[in-house]
Amino acid sequence: MAEGIFRQPKAVSMRSPHRHRAQYLRGRS
């Protein structure tokens, strides 16, 4: 999970909630 947050841009991380983070990780995986 931490990897996704670090890889993601800080702006996106702060802007998008956990839901967005999960989707990002899913698409990345």
C-alpha atoms as a PDB file:
ATOM      1  CA  MET A   1       0.000   0.000   0.000  1.00  0.00           C
ATOM      2  CA  ALA A   2       2.768   2.426   0.903  1.00  0.00           C
ATOM      3  CA  GLU A   3       4.324   1.841  -2.518  1.00  0.00           C
ATOM      4  CA  GLY A   4       1.176   3.058  -4.247  1.00  0.00           C
ATOM      5  CA  ILE A   5       1.108   6.256  -2.207  1.00  0.00           C
ATOM      6  CA  PHE A   6       4.779   6.958  -2.850  1.00  0.00           C
ATOM      7  CA  ARG A   7       4.542   6.189  -6.558  1.00  0.00           C
ATOM      8  CA  GLN A   8       1.455   8.351  -6.901  1.00  0.00           C
ATOM      9  CA  PRO A   9       1.924  12.124  -7.127  1.00  0.00           C
ATOM     10  CA  LYS A  10       1.464  13.897  -3.792  1.00  0.00           C
ATOM     11  CA  ALA A  11      -1.281  16.069  -5.287  1.00  0.00           C
ATOM     12  CA  VAL A  12      -3.236  13.040  -6.474  1.00  0.00           C
ATOM     13  CA  SER A  13      -2.687  11.199  -3.192  1.00  0.00           C
ATOM     14  CA  MET A  14      -4.039  14.111  -1.166  1.00  0.00           C
ATOM     15  CA  ARG A  15      -6.820  14.821  -3.648  1.00  0.00           C
ATOM     16  CA  SER A  16      -8.058  11.258  -4.136  1.00  0.00           C
ATOM     17  CA  PRO A  17      -9.282   9.192  -1.164  1.00  0.00           C
ATOM     18  CA  HIS A  18      -8.382   5.583  -0.334  1.00  0.00           C
ATOM     19  CA  ARG A  19     -10.786   4.453  -3.019  1.00  0.00           C
ATOM     20  CA  HIS A  20      -8.752   6.126  -5.734  1.00  0.00           C
ATOM     21  CA  ARG A  21      -5.559   4.680  -4.282  1.00  0.00           C
ATOM     22  CA  ALA A  22      -6.969   1.155  -4.477  1.00  0.00           C
ATOM     23  CA  GLN A  23      -7.999   1.658  -8.094  1.00  0.00           C
ATOM     24  CA  TYR A  24      -4.553   3.019  -8.925  1.00  0.00           C
ATOM     25  CA  LEU A  25      -2.859   0.001  -7.370  1.00  0.00           C
ATOM     26  CA  ARG A  26      -5.256  -2.352  -9.145  1.00  0.00           C
ATOM     27  CA  GLY A  27      -4.557  -0.817 -12.554  1.00  0.00           C
ATOM     28  CA  ARG A  28      -0.819  -0.730 -11.812  1.00  0.00           C
ATOM     29  CA  SER A  29      -0.639  -4.372 -10.692  1.00  0.00           C
END
